[in-house]
């Protein structure tokens, strides 16, 4: 009955559209620990660690057998600010 990108919890009456860039493309949930993969796409750390096999050409995300991801501190701050301001 609501669009997907809406905050809707029992204690938060305010409903606010979630910016698309705050959602992990794998889990479609707000990212708590956004990381940038070698393909240039930002994912939530737990999602990419558990679901990297579902990404096309996922072998290109690895260097020397290790999944290479880099924290996106700016996006993390933006998401945290958004979550605080939406309460």
N, C-alpha and C. Protein backbone atom coordinates (compact mmCIF):
# COMPACT_ATOMS: atom_id res chain seq x y z
N UNK A 1 0.81 -1.20 0.00
CA UNK A 1 0.00 0.00 0.00
C UNK A 1 0.85 1.26 0.00
N UNK A 2 2.14 1.16 0.41
CA UNK A 2 3.06 2.28 0.33
C UNK A 2 4.10 1.97 -0.73
N UNK A 3 4.68 3.02 -1.33
CA UNK A 3 5.82 2.76 -2.22
C UNK A 3 6.96 2.10 -1.44
N UNK A 4 7.83 1.40 -2.13
CA UNK A 4 8.91 0.66 -1.47
C UNK A 4 9.83 1.59 -0.66
N UNK A 5 10.17 2.74 -1.20
CA UNK A 5 11.18 3.59 -0.57
C UNK A 5 10.57 4.54 0.45
N UNK A 6 9.93 3.98 1.46
CA UNK A 6 9.32 4.80 2.50
C UNK A 6 9.73 4.25 3.85
N UNK A 7 10.13 5.15 4.75
CA UNK A 7 10.43 4.72 6.12
C UNK A 7 9.10 4.49 6.81
N UNK A 8 8.91 3.33 7.38
CA UNK A 8 7.64 3.03 8.02
C UNK A 8 7.92 2.12 9.20
N UNK A 9 8.05 2.70 10.38
CA UNK A 9 8.23 1.88 11.56
C UNK A 9 7.23 2.32 12.60
N UNK A 10 7.03 1.50 13.60
CA UNK A 10 5.98 1.77 14.59
C UNK A 10 6.21 3.09 15.31
N UNK A 11 7.47 3.38 15.69
CA UNK A 11 7.68 4.57 16.51
C UNK A 11 7.91 5.83 15.68
N UNK A 12 8.25 5.69 14.42
CA UNK A 12 8.47 6.87 13.59
C UNK A 12 7.23 7.13 12.74
N UNK A 13 6.50 8.17 13.10
CA UNK A 13 5.29 8.49 12.35
C UNK A 13 5.66 9.13 11.02
N UNK A 14 6.77 9.90 11.03
CA UNK A 14 7.18 10.59 9.80
C UNK A 14 7.58 9.58 8.74
N UNK A 15 7.03 9.77 7.57
CA UNK A 15 7.40 8.93 6.43
C UNK A 15 8.12 9.82 5.44
N UNK A 16 9.26 9.39 5.01
CA UNK A 16 10.08 10.21 4.14
C UNK A 16 10.65 9.31 3.06
N UNK A 17 10.63 9.78 1.83
CA UNK A 17 11.19 8.99 0.74
C UNK A 17 12.70 8.83 0.95
N UNK A 18 13.19 7.64 0.74
CA UNK A 18 14.61 7.34 0.91
C UNK A 18 15.31 7.59 -0.44
N UNK A 19 16.34 8.44 -0.45
CA UNK A 19 17.06 8.64 -1.72
C UNK A 19 17.60 7.30 -2.25
N UNK A 20 17.44 7.11 -3.53
CA UNK A 20 17.82 5.82 -4.15
C UNK A 20 19.28 5.46 -3.90
N UNK A 21 20.16 6.49 -3.84
CA UNK A 21 21.59 6.20 -3.66
C UNK A 21 21.90 5.70 -2.25
N UNK A 22 20.94 5.75 -1.33
CA UNK A 22 21.14 5.23 0.02
C UNK A 22 20.78 3.75 0.12
N UNK A 23 20.23 3.19 -0.95
CA UNK A 23 19.79 1.79 -0.94
C UNK A 23 20.82 0.90 -1.61
N UNK A 24 21.11 -0.22 -0.97
CA UNK A 24 22.03 -1.19 -1.57
C UNK A 24 21.36 -1.86 -2.76
N UNK A 25 22.04 -1.93 -3.93
CA UNK A 25 21.42 -2.59 -5.08
C UNK A 25 21.21 -4.09 -4.88
N UNK A 26 21.89 -4.70 -3.92
CA UNK A 26 21.70 -6.14 -3.67
C UNK A 26 20.55 -6.40 -2.70
N UNK A 27 20.52 -5.67 -1.59
CA UNK A 27 19.50 -5.93 -0.57
C UNK A 27 18.28 -5.03 -0.69
N UNK A 28 18.42 -3.92 -1.44
CA UNK A 28 17.38 -2.91 -1.57
C UNK A 28 17.00 -2.31 -0.21
N UNK A 29 17.94 -2.34 0.74
CA UNK A 29 17.74 -1.75 2.06
C UNK A 29 18.71 -0.58 2.23
N UNK A 30 18.39 0.28 3.19
CA UNK A 30 19.31 1.40 3.50
C UNK A 30 20.65 0.81 3.93
N UNK A 31 21.72 1.36 3.40
CA UNK A 31 23.06 0.84 3.72
C UNK A 31 23.52 1.37 5.08
N UNK A 32 24.03 0.46 5.91
CA UNK A 32 24.58 0.90 7.19
C UNK A 32 26.09 1.07 7.10
N UNK A 33 26.72 0.36 6.15
CA UNK A 33 28.17 0.44 5.98
C UNK A 33 28.46 0.42 4.47
N UNK A 34 28.23 1.55 3.78
CA UNK A 34 28.42 1.56 2.32
C UNK A 34 29.89 1.44 1.92
N UNK A 35 30.13 0.58 0.95
CA UNK A 35 31.48 0.38 0.42
C UNK A 35 31.41 0.41 -1.11
N UNK A 36 32.50 0.91 -1.71
CA UNK A 36 32.57 0.99 -3.17
C UNK A 36 33.38 -0.21 -3.66
N UNK A 37 32.80 -0.93 -4.61
CA UNK A 37 33.49 -2.07 -5.20
C UNK A 37 34.29 -1.61 -6.42
N UNK A 38 35.12 -2.50 -6.94
CA UNK A 38 35.96 -2.15 -8.09
C UNK A 38 35.15 -1.84 -9.34
N UNK A 39 33.87 -2.23 -9.38
CA UNK A 39 33.02 -1.89 -10.52
C UNK A 39 32.44 -0.48 -10.41
N UNK A 40 32.81 0.24 -9.32
CA UNK A 40 32.36 1.60 -9.15
C UNK A 40 31.00 1.73 -8.50
N UNK A 41 30.39 0.60 -8.18
CA UNK A 41 29.06 0.60 -7.58
C UNK A 41 29.20 0.49 -6.06
N UNK A 42 28.35 1.23 -5.34
CA UNK A 42 28.37 1.19 -3.88
C UNK A 42 27.35 0.16 -3.39
N UNK A 43 27.79 -0.67 -2.46
CA UNK A 43 26.95 -1.72 -1.86
C UNK A 43 27.07 -1.61 -0.34
N UNK A 44 26.11 -2.21 0.37
CA UNK A 44 26.28 -2.35 1.81
C UNK A 44 27.30 -3.47 2.04
N UNK A 45 28.24 -3.24 2.96
CA UNK A 45 29.32 -4.20 3.19
C UNK A 45 28.80 -5.63 3.41
N UNK A 46 27.82 -5.80 4.27
CA UNK A 46 27.34 -7.16 4.56
C UNK A 46 26.71 -7.80 3.32
N UNK A 47 26.03 -6.99 2.50
CA UNK A 47 25.40 -7.55 1.30
C UNK A 47 26.42 -8.03 0.29
N UNK A 48 27.44 -7.21 0.01
CA UNK A 48 28.42 -7.63 -1.00
C UNK A 48 29.27 -8.79 -0.47
N UNK A 49 29.55 -8.82 0.83
CA UNK A 49 30.32 -9.93 1.39
C UNK A 49 29.55 -11.25 1.24
N UNK A 50 28.24 -11.21 1.38
CA UNK A 50 27.42 -12.43 1.35
C UNK A 50 26.84 -12.75 -0.02
N UNK A 51 26.75 -11.75 -0.91
CA UNK A 51 26.02 -11.97 -2.16
C UNK A 51 26.81 -11.59 -3.40
N UNK A 52 28.14 -11.47 -3.29
CA UNK A 52 28.90 -11.00 -4.45
C UNK A 52 28.72 -11.92 -5.65
N UNK A 53 28.40 -13.21 -5.43
CA UNK A 53 28.25 -14.13 -6.55
C UNK A 53 27.08 -13.74 -7.46
N UNK A 54 26.13 -12.94 -6.93
CA UNK A 54 24.98 -12.56 -7.75
C UNK A 54 25.28 -11.35 -8.64
N UNK A 55 26.48 -10.77 -8.53
CA UNK A 55 26.86 -9.62 -9.35
C UNK A 55 27.48 -10.14 -10.65
N UNK A 56 26.98 -9.66 -11.80
CA UNK A 56 27.57 -10.09 -13.07
C UNK A 56 29.08 -9.79 -13.10
N UNK A 57 29.85 -10.71 -13.65
CA UNK A 57 31.32 -10.56 -13.75
C UNK A 57 31.96 -10.29 -12.39
N UNK A 58 31.44 -10.95 -11.34
CA UNK A 58 31.93 -10.65 -9.98
C UNK A 58 33.42 -10.93 -9.81
N UNK A 59 34.01 -11.75 -10.68
CA UNK A 59 35.45 -12.02 -10.53
C UNK A 59 36.27 -10.74 -10.73
N UNK A 60 35.71 -9.76 -11.44
CA UNK A 60 36.42 -8.50 -11.66
C UNK A 60 36.47 -7.65 -10.39
N UNK A 61 35.75 -8.04 -9.35
CA UNK A 61 35.76 -7.31 -8.08
C UNK A 61 36.90 -7.77 -7.17
N UNK A 62 37.64 -8.78 -7.63
CA UNK A 62 38.70 -9.38 -6.82
C UNK A 62 40.07 -9.00 -7.35
N UNK A 63 41.03 -8.81 -6.44
CA UNK A 63 42.44 -8.65 -6.80
C UNK A 63 43.21 -9.65 -5.95
N UNK A 64 43.96 -10.51 -6.61
CA UNK A 64 44.74 -11.51 -5.88
C UNK A 64 43.89 -12.40 -5.00
N UNK A 65 42.67 -12.71 -5.46
CA UNK A 65 41.80 -13.59 -4.71
C UNK A 65 41.04 -12.92 -3.58
N UNK A 66 41.22 -11.60 -3.41
CA UNK A 66 40.53 -10.88 -2.33
C UNK A 66 39.51 -9.91 -2.90
N UNK A 67 38.33 -9.89 -2.30
CA UNK A 67 37.30 -8.93 -2.66
C UNK A 67 37.80 -7.54 -2.24
N UNK A 68 37.93 -6.64 -3.21
CA UNK A 68 38.46 -5.30 -2.92
C UNK A 68 37.29 -4.33 -2.82
N UNK A 69 37.08 -3.81 -1.61
CA UNK A 69 36.03 -2.82 -1.38
C UNK A 69 36.61 -1.69 -0.55
N UNK A 70 36.05 -0.50 -0.73
CA UNK A 70 36.58 0.69 -0.09
C UNK A 70 35.44 1.43 0.60
N UNK A 71 35.63 1.83 1.87
CA UNK A 71 34.55 2.52 2.59
C UNK A 71 34.15 3.81 1.88
N UNK A 72 32.85 4.10 1.88
CA UNK A 72 32.33 5.36 1.34
C UNK A 72 31.88 6.21 2.52
N UNK A 73 32.86 6.89 3.14
CA UNK A 73 32.58 7.64 4.38
C UNK A 73 31.59 8.78 4.15
N UNK A 74 31.70 9.45 3.01
CA UNK A 74 30.78 10.57 2.72
C UNK A 74 29.34 10.10 2.66
N UNK A 75 29.12 9.00 1.93
CA UNK A 75 27.76 8.47 1.82
C UNK A 75 27.26 7.98 3.17
N UNK A 76 28.15 7.36 3.94
CA UNK A 76 27.76 6.88 5.27
C UNK A 76 27.28 8.04 6.15
N UNK A 77 28.02 9.15 6.11
CA UNK A 77 27.62 10.33 6.88
C UNK A 77 26.28 10.86 6.40
N UNK A 78 26.09 10.92 5.10
CA UNK A 78 24.81 11.40 4.55
C UNK A 78 23.65 10.53 4.99
N UNK A 79 23.84 9.21 4.97
CA UNK A 79 22.79 8.29 5.38
C UNK A 79 22.48 8.47 6.87
N UNK A 80 23.53 8.57 7.69
CA UNK A 80 23.31 8.75 9.13
C UNK A 80 22.56 10.05 9.40
N UNK A 81 22.92 11.12 8.71
CA UNK A 81 22.23 12.41 8.87
C UNK A 81 20.76 12.27 8.45
N UNK A 82 20.54 11.59 7.32
CA UNK A 82 19.18 11.38 6.82
C UNK A 82 18.34 10.62 7.84
N UNK A 83 18.92 9.56 8.42
CA UNK A 83 18.18 8.75 9.39
C UNK A 83 17.85 9.55 10.64
N UNK A 84 18.79 10.38 11.10
CA UNK A 84 18.54 11.22 12.28
C UNK A 84 17.44 12.24 12.00
N UNK A 85 17.50 12.86 10.82
CA UNK A 85 16.56 13.94 10.51
C UNK A 85 15.17 13.40 10.17
N UNK A 86 15.06 12.10 9.87
CA UNK A 86 13.75 11.55 9.49
C UNK A 86 12.98 11.04 10.71
N UNK A 87 13.58 11.10 11.90
CA UNK A 87 12.90 10.62 13.11
C UNK A 87 11.97 11.68 13.65
